[in-house]
Amino acid sequence: MAEINERASTSSEPTTPAPRPISAANAELNHLAKDMFSKTSDYLQGQLESTSDEYKLLEDMNKATGQRYADMKEVTTNVADRLKQLNEKYVTLRPYLDQIDEIDTSSKRLEEAAYQLDSFVKNLEAKFKQLEKSGSS
């Protein structure tokens, strides 16, 4: 038992391993690992920036589309208001338009009657000339 105590008393301080010298291969591996992590970081940063830019573009497109729809809504509101005004004017003009239609129908009948009367007068005139010729001969 004395032997165990002797070892225990001599090794009371923890031993730290001595730093190993870095070989050229280990130095190259460290350099390559740092390079890989740097390039991976750059790649991921680029991907994140690209995605961020795409979202920004989508946001801008949505804003432009929203503005366009707001403009179209304003235009359609104006068109609807103008259509309502035109319909109101049409309602007030309707009796006059009906009178115009009646006058047009009457003028067509009057024109027909004038043509018939002209035809009758021509026939009558032709008969009168015939009678005049037969009476003077």
C-alpha atoms as a PDB file:
ATOM      1  CA  MET A   1       0.000   0.000   0.000  1.00  0.00           C
ATOM      2  CA  ALA A   2       2.836   2.252   0.504  1.00  0.00           C
ATOM      3  CA  GLU A   3       3.540   1.996  -3.114  1.00  0.00           C
ATOM      4  CA  ILE A   4       0.160   3.493  -4.100  1.00  0.00           C
ATOM      5  CA  ASN A   5       0.537   6.386  -1.713  1.00  0.00           C
ATOM      6  CA  GLU A   6       3.915   7.129  -3.092  1.00  0.00           C
ATOM      7  CA  ARG A   7       2.567   7.488  -6.611  1.00  0.00           C
ATOM      8  CA  ALA A   8      -0.333   9.548  -5.494  1.00  0.00           C
ATOM      9  CA  SER A   9       1.817  12.001  -3.694  1.00  0.00           C
ATOM     10  CA  THR A  10       4.210  12.507  -6.555  1.00  0.00           C
ATOM     11  CA  SER A  11       1.619  13.150  -9.243  1.00  0.00           C
ATOM     12  CA  SER A  12      -0.530  15.779  -7.585  1.00  0.00           C
ATOM     13  CA  GLU A  13      -0.217  18.284 -10.473  1.00  0.00           C
ATOM     14  CA  PRO A  14      -1.991  17.540 -13.716  1.00  0.00           C
ATOM     15  CA  THR A  15       0.288  17.186 -16.653  1.00  0.00           C
ATOM     16  CA  THR A  16      -0.406  19.093 -19.847  1.00  0.00           C
ATOM     17  CA  PRO A  17       0.748  17.616 -23.071  1.00  0.00           C
ATOM     18  CA  ALA A  18       3.535  19.483 -24.712  1.00  0.00           C
ATOM     19  CA  PRO A  19       2.556  21.331 -27.867  1.00  0.00           C
ATOM     20  CA  ARG A  20       3.295  19.280 -30.913  1.00  0.00           C
ATOM     21  CA  PRO A  21       5.110  20.898 -33.711  1.00  0.00           C
ATOM     22  CA  ILE A  22       2.789  21.588 -36.672  1.00  0.00           C
ATOM     23  CA  SER A  23       3.902  19.679 -39.648  1.00  0.00           C
ATOM     24  CA  ALA A  24       3.699  21.047 -43.170  1.00  0.00           C
ATOM     25  CA  ALA A  25       0.759  18.734 -43.974  1.00  0.00           C
ATOM     26  CA  ASN A  26      -1.157  19.915 -40.913  1.00  0.00           C
ATOM     27  CA  ALA A  27      -0.438  23.528 -41.804  1.00  0.00           C
ATOM     28  CA  GLU A  28      -1.720  22.908 -45.359  1.00  0.00           C
ATOM     29  CA  LEU A  29      -4.859  21.199 -43.983  1.00  0.00           C
ATOM     30  CA  ASN A  30      -5.457  24.147 -41.637  1.00  0.00           C
ATOM     31  CA  HIS A  31      -5.034  26.577 -44.520  1.00  0.00           C
ATOM     32  CA  LEU A  32      -7.383  24.540 -46.761  1.00  0.00           C
ATOM     33  CA  ALA A  33      -9.981  24.238 -43.982  1.00  0.00           C
ATOM     34  CA  LYS A  34      -9.899  28.010 -43.380  1.00  0.00           C
ATOM     35  CA  ASP A  35     -10.170  28.601 -47.128  1.00  0.00           C
ATOM     36  CA  MET A  36     -13.121  26.166 -47.382  1.00  0.00           C
ATOM     37  CA  PHE A  37     -14.944  27.819 -44.470  1.00  0.00           C
ATOM     38  CA  SER A  38     -14.281  31.267 -45.947  1.00  0.00           C
ATOM     39  CA  LYS A  39     -15.597  30.248 -49.361  1.00  0.00           C
ATOM     40  CA  THR A  40     -18.590  28.455 -47.840  1.00  0.00           C
ATOM     41  CA  SER A  41     -19.316  31.591 -45.826  1.00  0.00           C
ATOM     42  CA  ASP A  42     -19.070  33.737 -48.994  1.00  0.00           C
ATOM     43  CA  TYR A  43     -21.362  31.312 -50.866  1.00  0.00           C
ATOM     44  CA  LEU A  44     -23.979  31.315 -48.111  1.00  0.00           C
ATOM     45  CA  GLN A  45     -23.736  35.099 -47.793  1.00  0.00           C
ATOM     46  CA  GLY A  46     -24.329  35.397 -51.559  1.00  0.00           C
ATOM     47  CA  GLN A  47     -27.308  33.063 -51.366  1.00  0.00           C
ATOM     48  CA  LEU A  48     -28.815  35.068 -48.518  1.00  0.00           C
ATOM     49  CA  GLU A  49     -28.255  38.358 -50.355  1.00  0.00           C
ATOM     50  CA  SER A  50     -29.790  36.890 -53.515  1.00  0.00           C
ATOM     51  CA  THR A  51     -32.853  35.714 -51.599  1.00  0.00           C
ATOM     52  CA  SER A  52     -33.097  39.084 -49.872  1.00  0.00           C
ATOM     53  CA  ASP A  53     -32.902  40.870 -53.232  1.00  0.00           C
ATOM     54  CA  GLU A  54     -35.629  38.611 -54.651  1.00  0.00           C
ATOM     55  CA  TYR A  55     -37.899  39.410 -51.717  1.00  0.00           C
ATOM     56  CA  LYS A  56     -37.184  43.107 -52.178  1.00  0.00           C
ATOM     57  CA  LEU A  57     -38.095  42.791 -55.871  1.00  0.00           C
ATOM     58  CA  LEU A  58     -41.315  40.966 -54.981  1.00  0.00           C
ATOM     59  CA  GLU A  59     -42.141  43.676 -52.461  1.00  0.00           C
ATOM     60  CA  ASP A  60     -41.563  46.389 -55.082  1.00  0.00           C
ATOM     61  CA  MET A  61     -43.690  44.493 -57.610  1.00  0.00           C
ATOM     62  CA  ASN A  62     -46.480  44.100 -55.066  1.00  0.00           C
ATOM     63  CA  LYS A  63     -46.383  47.823 -54.306  1.00  0.00           C
ATOM     64  CA  ALA A  64     -46.493  48.668 -58.023  1.00  0.00           C
ATOM     65  CA  THR A  65     -49.368  46.239 -58.577  1.00  0.00           C
ATOM     66  CA  GLY A  66     -51.230  47.678 -55.592  1.00  0.00           C
ATOM     67  CA  GLN A  67     -50.792  51.188 -56.970  1.00  0.00           C
ATOM     68  CA  ARG A  68     -51.971  50.069 -60.403  1.00  0.00           C
ATOM     69  CA  TYR A  69     -55.096  48.493 -58.888  1.00  0.00           C
ATOM     70  CA  ALA A  70     -55.742  51.667 -56.894  1.00  0.00           C
ATOM     71  CA  ASP A  71     -55.462  53.698 -60.125  1.00  0.00           C
ATOM     72  CA  MET A  72     -57.790  51.286 -61.934  1.00  0.00           C
ATOM     73  CA  LYS A  73     -60.277  51.532 -59.079  1.00  0.00           C
ATOM     74  CA  GLU A  74     -60.242  55.314 -59.375  1.00  0.00           C
ATOM     75  CA  VAL A  75     -60.762  55.122 -63.144  1.00  0.00           C
ATOM     76  CA  THR A  76     -63.647  52.658 -62.813  1.00  0.00           C
ATOM     77  CA  THR A  77     -65.225  54.830 -60.125  1.00  0.00           C
ATOM     78  CA  ASN A  78     -65.027  57.813 -62.478  1.00  0.00           C
ATOM     79  CA  VAL A  79     -66.470  55.777 -65.352  1.00  0.00           C
ATOM     80  CA  ALA A  80     -69.307  54.549 -63.136  1.00  0.00           C
ATOM     81  CA  ASP A  81     -70.078  58.122 -62.057  1.00  0.00           C
ATOM     82  CA  ARG A  82     -70.080  59.333 -65.671  1.00  0.00           C
ATOM     83  CA  LEU A  83     -72.302  56.433 -66.710  1.00  0.00           C
ATOM     84  CA  LYS A  84     -74.740  57.308 -63.946  1.00  0.00           C
ATOM     85  CA  GLN A  85     -74.797  60.934 -65.143  1.00  0.00           C
ATOM     86  CA  LEU A  86     -75.378  59.835 -68.737  1.00  0.00           C
ATOM     87  CA  ASN A  87     -78.226  57.563 -67.678  1.00  0.00           C
ATOM     88  CA  GLU A  88     -79.825  60.441 -65.757  1.00  0.00           C
ATOM     89  CA  LYS A  89     -79.500  62.701 -68.817  1.00  0.00           C
ATOM     90  CA  TYR A  90     -80.965  59.967 -71.010  1.00  0.00           C
ATOM     91  CA  VAL A  91     -83.959  59.669 -68.685  1.00  0.00           C
ATOM     92  CA  THR A  92     -84.564  63.430 -68.880  1.00  0.00           C
ATOM     93  CA  LEU A  93     -84.126  63.439 -72.671  1.00  0.00           C
ATOM     94  CA  ARG A  94     -86.277  60.348 -73.262  1.00  0.00           C
ATOM     95  CA  PRO A  95     -89.578  62.264 -73.784  1.00  0.00           C
ATOM     96  CA  TYR A  96     -87.885  64.513 -76.353  1.00  0.00           C
ATOM     97  CA  LEU A  97     -86.361  61.509 -78.104  1.00  0.00           C
ATOM     98  CA  ASP A  98     -89.810  59.902 -78.240  1.00  0.00           C
ATOM     99  CA  GLN A  99     -91.206  63.096 -79.786  1.00  0.00           C
ATOM    100  CA  ILE A 100     -88.417  63.062 -82.375  1.00  0.00           C
ATOM    101  CA  ASP A 101     -89.312  59.467 -83.232  1.00  0.00           C
ATOM    102  CA  GLU A 102     -92.975  60.429 -83.607  1.00  0.00           C
ATOM    103  CA  ILE A 103     -92.085  63.418 -85.817  1.00  0.00           C
ATOM    104  CA  ASP A 104     -89.869  61.156 -87.949  1.00  0.00           C
ATOM    105  CA  THR A 105     -92.712  58.663 -88.380  1.00  0.00           C
ATOM    106  CA  SER A 106     -95.147  61.452 -89.232  1.00  0.00           C
ATOM    107  CA  SER A 107     -92.762  63.025 -91.741  1.00  0.00           C
ATOM    108  CA  LYS A 108     -92.300  59.655 -93.449  1.00  0.00           C
ATOM    109  CA  ARG A 109     -96.096  59.277 -93.756  1.00  0.00           C
ATOM    110  CA  LEU A 110     -96.360  62.867 -95.005  1.00  0.00           C
ATOM    111  CA  GLU A 111     -93.612  62.201 -97.566  1.00  0.00           C
ATOM    112  CA  GLU A 112     -95.477  59.082 -98.740  1.00  0.00           C
ATOM    113  CA  ALA A 113     -98.662  61.068 -99.071  1.00  0.00           C
ATOM    114  CA  ALA A 114     -96.793  63.783-101.018  1.00  0.00           C
ATOM    115  CA  TYR A 115     -95.421  61.172-103.449  1.00  0.00           C
ATOM    116  CA  GLN A 116     -98.902  59.709-103.924  1.00  0.00           C
ATOM    117  CA  LEU A 117    -100.351  63.174-104.441  1.00  0.00           C
ATOM    118  CA  ASP A 118     -97.590  64.021-106.949  1.00  0.00           C
ATOM    119  CA  SER A 119     -98.287  60.791-108.801  1.00  0.00           C
ATOM    120  CA  PHE A 120    -102.036  61.541-108.846  1.00  0.00           C
ATOM    121  CA  VAL A 121    -101.406  65.092-110.098  1.00  0.00           C
ATOM    122  CA  LYS A 122     -99.164  63.793-112.899  1.00  0.00           C
ATOM    123  CA  ASN A 123    -101.793  61.271-113.960  1.00  0.00           C
ATOM    124  CA  LEU A 124    -104.472  63.953-113.835  1.00  0.00           C
ATOM    125  CA  GLU A 125    -102.300  66.322-115.847  1.00  0.00           C
ATOM    126  CA  ALA A 126    -101.647  63.634-118.438  1.00  0.00           C
ATOM    127  CA  LYS A 127    -105.385  62.952-118.771  1.00  0.00           C
ATOM    128  CA  PHE A 128    -106.100  66.681-119.039  1.00  0.00           C
ATOM    129  CA  LYS A 129    -103.569  67.041-121.861  1.00  0.00           C
ATOM    130  CA  GLN A 130    -105.093  64.052-123.606  1.00  0.00           C
ATOM    131  CA  LEU A 131    -108.567  65.564-123.330  1.00  0.00           C
ATOM    132  CA  GLU A 132    -107.262  68.873-124.513  1.00  0.00           C
ATOM    133  CA  LYS A 133    -105.707  67.270-127.583  1.00  0.00           C
ATOM    134  CA  SER A 134    -108.797  65.270-128.380  1.00  0.00           C
ATOM    135  CA  GLY A 135    -111.052  68.303-127.940  1.00  0.00           C
ATOM    136  CA  SER A 136    -108.956  70.645-130.104  1.00  0.00           C
ATOM    137  CA  SER A 137    -108.521  68.191-132.944  1.00  0.00           C
END
